[in-house]
C-alpha atoms as a PDB file:
ATOM      1  CA  UNK A   1       3.338 126.340  23.790  1.00  0.00           C
ATOM      2  CA  UNK A   2       3.204 123.572  21.486  1.00  0.00           C
ATOM      3  CA  UNK A   3       0.319 122.073  19.713  1.00  0.00           C
ATOM      4  CA  UNK A   4      -1.341 118.937  20.317  1.00  0.00           C
ATOM      5  CA  UNK A   5      -1.882 117.943  16.727  1.00  0.00           C
ATOM      6  CA  UNK A   6      -1.121 115.106  14.791  1.00  0.00           C
ATOM      7  CA  UNK A   7       0.064 116.955  11.638  1.00  0.00           C
ATOM      8  CA  UNK A   8       3.587 116.649  10.416  1.00  0.00           C
ATOM      9  CA  UNK A   9       6.291 118.627  11.693  1.00  0.00           C
ATOM     10  CA  UNK A  10       9.559 118.742  11.064  1.00  0.00           C
ATOM     11  CA  UNK A  11      10.934 117.114  14.225  1.00  0.00           C
ATOM     12  CA  UNK A  12       8.262 114.332  13.849  1.00  0.00           C
ATOM     13  CA  UNK A  13       9.641 113.901  10.249  1.00  0.00           C
ATOM     14  CA  UNK A  14      13.231 113.326  11.863  1.00  0.00           C
ATOM     15  CA  UNK A  15      11.577 110.797  14.159  1.00  0.00           C
ATOM     16  CA  UNK A  16       9.816 108.688  11.789  1.00  0.00           C
ATOM     17  CA  UNK A  17      12.983 109.015   9.463  1.00  0.00           C
ATOM     18  CA  UNK A  18      15.330 107.812  12.054  1.00  0.00           C
ATOM     19  CA  UNK A  19      12.644 104.922  13.344  1.00  0.00           C
ATOM     20  CA  UNK A  20      12.828 103.835   9.691  1.00  0.00           C
ATOM     21  CA  UNK A  21      16.312 103.752   9.242  1.00  0.00           C
ATOM     22  CA  UNK A  22      16.544 101.854  12.414  1.00  0.00           C
ATOM     23  CA  UNK A  23      13.694  99.184  12.109  1.00  0.00           C
ATOM     24  CA  UNK A  24      15.209  98.317   8.585  1.00  0.00           C
ATOM     25  CA  UNK A  25      18.608  98.101  10.210  1.00  0.00           C
ATOM     26  CA  UNK A  26      17.822  95.741  12.785  1.00  0.00           C
ATOM     27  CA  UNK A  27      15.480  93.849  10.654  1.00  0.00           C
ATOM     28  CA  UNK A  28      18.586  93.754   8.013  1.00  0.00           C
ATOM     29  CA  UNK A  29      20.743  92.339  11.143  1.00  0.00           C
ATOM     30  CA  UNK A  30      18.307  90.001  12.206  1.00  0.00           C
ATOM     31  CA  UNK A  31      18.012  88.184   8.879  1.00  0.00           C
ATOM     32  CA  UNK A  32      21.951  88.315   8.865  1.00  0.00           C
ATOM     33  CA  UNK A  33      22.260  86.680  12.246  1.00  0.00           C
ATOM     34  CA  UNK A  34      19.320  83.875  11.444  1.00  0.00           C
ATOM     35  CA  UNK A  35      20.413  83.166   7.768  1.00  0.00           C
ATOM     36  CA  UNK A  36      24.178  83.552   7.739  1.00  0.00           C
ATOM     37  CA  UNK A  37      26.237  80.268   8.969  1.00  0.00           C
ATOM     38  CA  UNK A  38      28.056  80.502  12.377  1.00  0.00           C
ATOM     39  CA  UNK A  39      31.035  79.756  10.756  1.00  0.00           C
ATOM     40  CA  UNK A  40      30.934  83.070   8.352  1.00  0.00           C
ATOM     41  CA  UNK A  41      30.156  85.266  11.499  1.00  0.00           C
ATOM     42  CA  UNK A  42      33.131  83.580  13.544  1.00  0.00           C
ATOM     43  CA  UNK A  43      35.088  84.353  10.575  1.00  0.00           C
ATOM     44  CA  UNK A  44      34.096  87.878  10.504  1.00  0.00           C
ATOM     45  CA  UNK A  45      34.790  88.306  13.866  1.00  0.00           C
ATOM     46  CA  UNK A  46      31.445  88.559  15.529  1.00  0.00           C
ATOM     47  CA  UNK A  47      31.437  85.355  17.952  1.00  0.00           C
ATOM     48  CA  UNK A  48      28.949  86.535  20.535  1.00  0.00           C
ATOM     49  CA  UNK A  49      25.671  86.077  19.017  1.00  0.00           C
ATOM     50  CA  UNK A  50      22.597  84.267  20.542  1.00  0.00           C
ATOM     51  CA  UNK A  51      21.663  80.752  19.500  1.00  0.00           C
ATOM     52  CA  UNK A  52      19.974  80.286  16.278  1.00  0.00           C
ATOM     53  CA  UNK A  53      16.921  78.870  18.184  1.00  0.00           C
ATOM     54  CA  UNK A  54      16.210  82.318  19.023  1.00  0.00           C
ATOM     55  CA  UNK A  55      15.415  83.041  15.464  1.00  0.00           C
ATOM     56  CA  UNK A  56      12.638  81.012  15.513  1.00  0.00           C
ATOM     57  CA  UNK A  57      11.155  81.202  18.864  1.00  0.00           C
ATOM     58  CA  UNK A  58      11.132  84.958  18.847  1.00  0.00           C
ATOM     59  CA  UNK A  59       8.630  85.403  15.840  1.00  0.00           C
ATOM     60  CA  UNK A  60       6.906  82.417  16.962  1.00  0.00           C
ATOM     61  CA  UNK A  61       6.315  83.617  20.621  1.00  0.00           C
ATOM     62  CA  UNK A  62       5.167  87.066  18.991  1.00  0.00           C
ATOM     63  CA  UNK A  63       2.850  85.488  16.788  1.00  0.00           C
ATOM     64  CA  UNK A  64       1.194  83.508  19.735  1.00  0.00           C
ATOM     65  CA  UNK A  65       0.735  86.335  21.792  1.00  0.00           C
ATOM     66  CA  UNK A  66      -0.835  88.356  19.075  1.00  0.00           C
ATOM     67  CA  UNK A  67      -3.023  85.464  18.382  1.00  0.00           C
ATOM     68  CA  UNK A  68      -3.932  84.961  21.983  1.00  0.00           C
ATOM     69  CA  UNK A  69      -4.463  88.810  22.192  1.00  0.00           C
ATOM     70  CA  UNK A  70      -6.953  88.711  18.791  1.00  0.00           C
ATOM     71  CA  UNK A  71      -8.814  85.806  19.539  1.00  0.00           C
ATOM     72  CA  UNK A  72      -9.154  85.960  23.644  1.00  0.00           C
ATOM     73  CA  UNK A  73      -8.139  89.243  24.999  1.00  0.00           C
ATOM     74  CA  UNK A  74      -9.806  91.745  22.385  1.00  0.00           C
ATOM     75  CA  UNK A  75     -13.200  90.042  22.666  1.00  0.00           C
ATOM     76  CA  UNK A  76     -12.905  89.760  26.279  1.00  0.00           C
ATOM     77  CA  UNK A  77     -12.389  93.542  26.475  1.00  0.00           C
ATOM     78  CA  UNK A  78     -15.237  94.234  24.151  1.00  0.00           C
ATOM     79  CA  UNK A  79     -17.221  92.043  26.367  1.00  0.00           C
ATOM     80  CA  UNK A  80     -16.428  94.524  29.307  1.00  0.00           C
ATOM     81  CA  UNK A  81     -17.643  97.330  27.358  1.00  0.00           C
ATOM     82  CA  UNK A  82     -21.193  96.058  26.795  1.00  0.00           C
ATOM     83  CA  UNK A  83     -23.826  96.924  29.289  1.00  0.00           C
ATOM     84  CA  UNK A  84     -25.375  94.269  31.466  1.00  0.00           C
ATOM     85  CA  UNK A  85     -28.244  92.471  29.763  1.00  0.00           C
ATOM     86  CA  UNK A  86     -30.792  94.018  32.462  1.00  0.00           C
ATOM     87  CA  UNK A  87     -29.236  97.633  31.466  1.00  0.00           C
ATOM     88  CA  UNK A  88     -32.188 100.159  29.895  1.00  0.00           C
ATOM     89  CA  UNK A  89     -29.045 101.124  27.349  1.00  0.00           C
ATOM     90  CA  UNK A  90     -29.677  98.003  25.512  1.00  0.00           C
ATOM     91  CA  UNK A  91     -33.060  98.986  24.722  1.00  0.00           C
ATOM     92  CA  UNK A  92     -33.044 102.306  23.998  1.00  0.00           C
ATOM     93  CA  UNK A  93     -30.661 105.299  23.286  1.00  0.00           C
ATOM     94  CA  UNK A  94     -30.908 109.012  22.568  1.00  0.00           C
ATOM     95  CA  UNK A  95     -31.086 108.438  18.747  1.00  0.00           C
ATOM     96  CA  UNK A  96     -34.639 106.305  19.224  1.00  0.00           C
ATOM     97  CA  UNK A  97     -37.360 107.091  17.408  1.00  0.00           C
ATOM     98  CA  UNK A  98     -40.211 106.611  19.444  1.00  0.00           C
ATOM     99  CA  UNK A  99     -43.583 105.509  17.358  1.00  0.00           C
ATOM    100  CA  UNK A 100     -46.963 107.379  17.771  1.00  0.00           C
ATOM    101  CA  UNK A 101     -49.320 105.454  20.587  1.00  0.00           C
ATOM    102  CA  UNK A 102     -51.626 103.937  17.865  1.00  0.00           C
ATOM    103  CA  UNK A 103     -48.745 102.449  16.223  1.00  0.00           C
ATOM    104  CA  UNK A 104     -47.669 100.126  19.016  1.00  0.00           C
ATOM    105  CA  UNK A 105     -49.789  97.105  18.087  1.00  0.00           C
ATOM    106  CA  UNK A 106     -48.831  95.824  14.348  1.00  0.00           C
ATOM    107  CA  UNK A 107     -52.050  94.092  14.010  1.00  0.00           C
ATOM    108  CA  UNK A 108     -54.096  97.406  14.379  1.00  0.00           C
ATOM    109  CA  UNK A 109     -52.310  98.884  11.347  1.00  0.00           C
ATOM    110  CA  UNK A 110     -53.341  96.701   8.717  1.00  0.00           C
ATOM    111  CA  UNK A 111     -56.099  99.027   7.623  1.00  0.00           C
ATOM    112  CA  UNK A 112     -54.354 102.265   8.238  1.00  0.00           C
ATOM    113  CA  UNK A 113     -51.197 101.336   5.498  1.00  0.00           C
ATOM    114  CA  UNK A 114     -47.758 101.429   6.249  1.00  0.00           C
ATOM    115  CA  UNK A 115     -46.943 103.233   9.786  1.00  0.00           C
ATOM    116  CA  UNK A 116     -44.100 105.848   9.939  1.00  0.00           C
ATOM    117  CA  UNK A 117     -40.539 104.702  10.476  1.00  0.00           C
ATOM    118  CA  UNK A 118     -39.964 104.296  14.258  1.00  0.00           C
ATOM    119  CA  UNK A 119     -37.955 101.758  16.970  1.00  0.00           C
ATOM    120  CA  UNK A 120     -40.397  98.997  18.078  1.00  0.00           C
ATOM    121  CA  UNK A 121     -40.628  99.257  21.817  1.00  0.00           C
ATOM    122  CA  UNK A 122     -39.117  95.794  23.379  1.00  0.00           C
ATOM    123  CA  UNK A 123     -42.759  94.930  24.792  1.00  0.00           C
ATOM    124  CA  UNK A 124     -44.137  94.992  21.278  1.00  0.00           C
ATOM    125  CA  UNK A 125     -41.337  92.937  20.104  1.00  0.00           C
ATOM    126  CA  UNK A 126     -41.351  90.303  22.906  1.00  0.00           C
ATOM    127  CA  UNK A 127     -45.290  90.189  22.625  1.00  0.00           C
ATOM    128  CA  UNK A 128     -45.137  89.689  18.579  1.00  0.00           C
ATOM    129  CA  UNK A 129     -42.409  87.117  18.892  1.00  0.00           C
ATOM    130  CA  UNK A 130     -43.288  84.907  22.300  1.00  0.00           C
ATOM    131  CA  UNK A 131     -47.041  85.166  22.592  1.00  0.00           C
ATOM    132  CA  UNK A 132     -48.635  81.941  21.462  1.00  0.00           C
ATOM    133  CA  UNK A 133     -52.334  82.561  21.711  1.00  0.00           C
ATOM    134  CA  UNK A 134     -54.535  85.261  19.687  1.00  0.00           C
ATOM    135  CA  UNK A 135     -55.849  86.467  22.983  1.00  0.00           C
ATOM    136  CA  UNK A 136     -53.217  89.161  23.562  1.00  0.00           C
END
């Protein structure tokens, strides 16, 4: 039974080495095709090559595709993973530290010193931020 582990094995090392050599060979052929004039390539007997236009067009298309992914698709994908604004998971989770009932109101804690560390309830945050009168 084969192991499902990312640890190096001899077969993975062979595949990695073959991919390493293949990628450098393909990049070298690309550079020769892009920079060596057609007259030199024809003199060497290499007559069927794509137009030099594609030496510039392919990297630019790849860069535009990558940029489009980074600036549009990746943030959109992250937005699909965020719960809706009315979902309870935005307000609390299993790691929340609920405050003691006496520490809900910040104004009552002035005489008691610093309250213990806890997450503030959303109702208290809204009350402190948005209530304009002092008759809470």
